[in-house]
Amino acid sequence: MRKSISAAIAFAISATAIMLTAVPASADQPPGVFTVKDGNKVDDKTLEGWKTWRAMACERCHGPEQEGLVGPSLVNSLKTLSKADFHTTIQNGRPEKGMPNFGGVALVQKNWENLYNYLKGRSEGKIAPGHLYPLTQADAPPPPAGWDKPKS
């Protein structure tokens, strides 16, 4: 009897360990994985995140520079919001605060990590507000003057 109980406990522990390690590879990525040059040239995935931001018209609530309007400043929020919490928020929304859910929007579901990376880059002050360009675009105009200086 003791052997079967011990075996059952060992099995349960092993199964739990396997389930805990069987998470998507993306969960293992460090938050805010992006490449940026000159403030407004970014890697392809981050560019897709910015395009998702634009396509979903997120600036209507969060402002054109992600500093908030009727919705909160994402420049500030992304300093503390985890990648998992970001995903939960865009997936389920915050209806009590007026934020719709985007769980059924294919574009957002496909690009939520890219969107997170874009916003994380804005939050860290490495990506300029405004139009973004591919890293390889040599003729991209410079970002707005003073974008990387503290606002007074």
Protein backbone atom coordinates (compact mmCIF):
# COMPACT_ATOMS: atom_id res chain seq x y z
CA MET A 1 0.00 0.00 0.00
CA ARG A 2 2.79 2.43 0.94
CA LYS A 3 4.62 1.67 -2.29
CA SER A 4 1.54 2.46 -4.38
CA ILE A 5 0.96 5.73 -2.49
CA SER A 6 4.62 6.68 -2.93
CA ALA A 7 4.43 5.81 -6.62
CA ALA A 8 1.26 7.89 -7.01
CA ILE A 9 2.89 10.88 -5.29
CA ALA A 10 6.02 10.54 -7.43
CA PHE A 11 3.86 10.37 -10.56
CA ALA A 12 1.88 13.45 -9.53
CA ILE A 13 5.07 15.43 -8.88
CA SER A 14 6.54 14.35 -12.23
CA ALA A 15 3.35 15.21 -14.11
CA THR A 16 3.20 18.63 -12.44
CA ALA A 17 6.83 19.34 -13.34
CA ILE A 18 6.17 18.39 -16.97
CA MET A 19 3.06 20.59 -17.14
CA LEU A 20 4.92 23.55 -15.62
CA THR A 21 7.71 23.31 -18.18
CA ALA A 22 5.36 22.83 -21.13
CA VAL A 23 4.76 26.53 -21.76
CA PRO A 24 5.02 28.21 -25.15
CA ALA A 25 8.52 29.25 -26.18
CA SER A 26 7.40 32.86 -26.35
CA ALA A 27 6.86 32.90 -22.59
CA ASP A 28 10.60 32.28 -22.18
CA GLN A 29 11.53 35.39 -24.14
CA PRO A 30 12.67 38.33 -22.10
CA PRO A 31 10.20 41.22 -22.13
CA GLY A 32 10.71 43.97 -24.68
CA VAL A 33 12.73 42.18 -27.36
CA PHE A 34 13.28 44.69 -30.13
CA THR A 35 16.01 46.26 -32.22
CA VAL A 36 15.96 49.99 -32.85
CA LYS A 37 18.29 52.37 -34.68
CA ASP A 38 18.13 56.17 -34.66
CA GLY A 39 14.90 56.06 -32.65
CA ASN A 40 12.58 55.34 -35.56
CA LYS A 41 14.01 52.37 -37.46
CA VAL A 42 13.01 49.04 -35.96
CA ASP A 43 13.14 45.31 -36.65
CA ASP A 44 10.35 43.73 -38.72
CA LYS A 45 8.42 42.30 -35.75
CA THR A 46 8.41 45.58 -33.84
CA LEU A 47 7.31 47.33 -37.03
CA GLU A 48 4.38 44.88 -37.22
CA GLY A 49 3.54 45.78 -33.62
CA TRP A 50 3.50 49.48 -34.52
CA LYS A 51 1.31 48.74 -37.57
CA THR A 52 -1.09 46.83 -35.32
CA TRP A 53 -1.21 49.84 -32.98
CA ARG A 54 -2.09 52.05 -35.95
CA ALA A 55 -4.60 49.63 -37.50
CA MET A 56 -6.48 49.22 -34.23
CA ALA A 57 -6.49 53.01 -33.66
CA CYS A 58 -5.23 52.60 -30.08
CA GLU A 59 -4.23 56.28 -30.07
CA ARG A 60 -7.91 57.23 -29.76
CA CYS A 61 -7.71 56.31 -26.06
CA HIS A 62 -4.00 56.05 -25.27
CA GLY A 63 -2.81 59.09 -27.23
CA PRO A 64 -0.66 59.39 -30.37
CA GLU A 65 2.51 59.17 -28.25
CA GLN A 66 1.10 56.50 -25.92
CA GLU A 67 1.04 59.00 -23.04
CA GLY A 68 -2.68 58.67 -22.34
CA LEU A 69 -5.95 60.43 -23.11
CA VAL A 70 -9.10 58.78 -21.77
CA GLY A 71 -7.05 55.60 -21.39
CA PRO A 72 -3.88 55.38 -19.31
CA SER A 73 -0.38 56.28 -20.43
CA LEU A 74 1.16 53.13 -21.84
CA VAL A 75 4.58 54.74 -21.66
CA ASN A 76 4.16 54.63 -17.88
CA SER A 77 2.13 51.42 -17.62
CA LEU A 78 4.65 49.33 -19.56
CA LYS A 79 7.34 50.22 -17.03
CA THR A 80 5.65 47.84 -14.57
CA LEU A 81 3.10 45.77 -16.54
CA SER A 82 4.39 42.26 -17.22
CA LYS A 83 4.14 40.70 -20.65
CA ALA A 84 1.60 38.18 -19.28
CA ASP A 85 -0.53 40.94 -17.74
CA PHE A 86 -0.35 42.92 -20.99
CA HIS A 87 -1.59 39.87 -22.90
CA THR A 88 -4.43 39.30 -20.43
CA THR A 89 -5.44 42.96 -20.66
CA ILE A 90 -5.66 43.09 -24.44
CA GLN A 91 -7.23 39.64 -24.60
CA ASN A 92 -9.98 40.35 -22.04
CA GLY A 93 -10.06 44.14 -22.01
CA ARG A 94 -10.99 46.17 -18.96
CA PRO A 95 -14.68 46.79 -19.61
CA GLU A 96 -15.18 48.50 -16.23
CA LYS A 97 -12.66 51.12 -17.38
CA GLY A 98 -13.92 51.34 -20.94
CA MET A 99 -11.28 49.19 -22.65
CA PRO A 100 -12.74 46.69 -25.10
CA ASN A 101 -11.38 43.16 -25.39
CA PHE A 102 -9.40 42.24 -28.47
CA GLY A 103 -9.52 38.48 -27.89
CA GLY A 104 -11.49 37.94 -31.07
CA VAL A 105 -9.42 40.21 -33.31
CA ALA A 106 -7.12 38.10 -35.48
CA LEU A 107 -4.65 40.93 -36.15
CA VAL A 108 -4.15 41.53 -32.43
CA GLN A 109 -3.92 37.83 -31.61
CA LYS A 110 -1.28 37.37 -34.31
CA ASN A 111 0.77 40.41 -33.27
CA TRP A 112 0.23 40.92 -29.53
CA GLU A 113 3.88 40.15 -28.70
CA ASN A 114 5.06 42.51 -31.44
CA LEU A 115 2.71 45.17 -30.07
CA TYR A 116 4.10 44.57 -26.57
CA ASN A 117 7.66 44.96 -27.88
CA TYR A 118 6.78 48.21 -29.64
CA LEU A 119 5.15 49.65 -26.52
CA LYS A 120 7.99 48.39 -24.32
CA GLY A 121 10.46 50.23 -26.58
CA ARG A 122 8.37 53.39 -26.25
CA SER A 123 8.22 52.93 -22.48
CA GLU A 124 11.99 52.48 -22.25
CA GLY A 125 12.54 55.65 -24.30
CA LYS A 126 14.33 53.82 -27.09
CA ILE A 127 11.64 54.11 -29.78
CA ALA A 128 10.52 57.57 -30.85
CA PRO A 129 6.86 58.51 -31.14
CA GLY A 130 5.45 58.85 -34.63
CA HIS A 131 6.13 56.99 -37.84
CA LEU A 132 8.46 53.98 -37.78
CA TYR A 133 10.51 52.51 -40.59
CA PRO A 134 12.29 49.22 -41.31
CA LEU A 135 15.84 48.97 -39.98
CA THR A 136 17.10 48.67 -43.54
CA GLN A 137 15.45 51.83 -44.87
CA ALA A 138 18.43 54.12 -45.44
CA ASP A 139 16.35 57.13 -46.55
CA ALA A 140 14.05 57.18 -43.50
CA PRO A 141 13.57 60.73 -42.18
CA PRO A 142 14.86 61.42 -38.68
CA PRO A 143 12.53 61.17 -35.68
CA PRO A 144 11.01 64.37 -34.27
CA ALA A 145 13.59 66.71 -32.75
CA GLY A 146 13.90 66.36 -28.99
CA TRP A 147 11.88 63.11 -28.81
CA ASP A 148 14.47 61.59 -26.51
CA LYS A 149 14.60 64.53 -24.10
CA PRO A 150 12.47 64.68 -20.95
CA LYS A 151 9.28 66.68 -21.34
CA SER A 152 8.99 69.72 -19.16
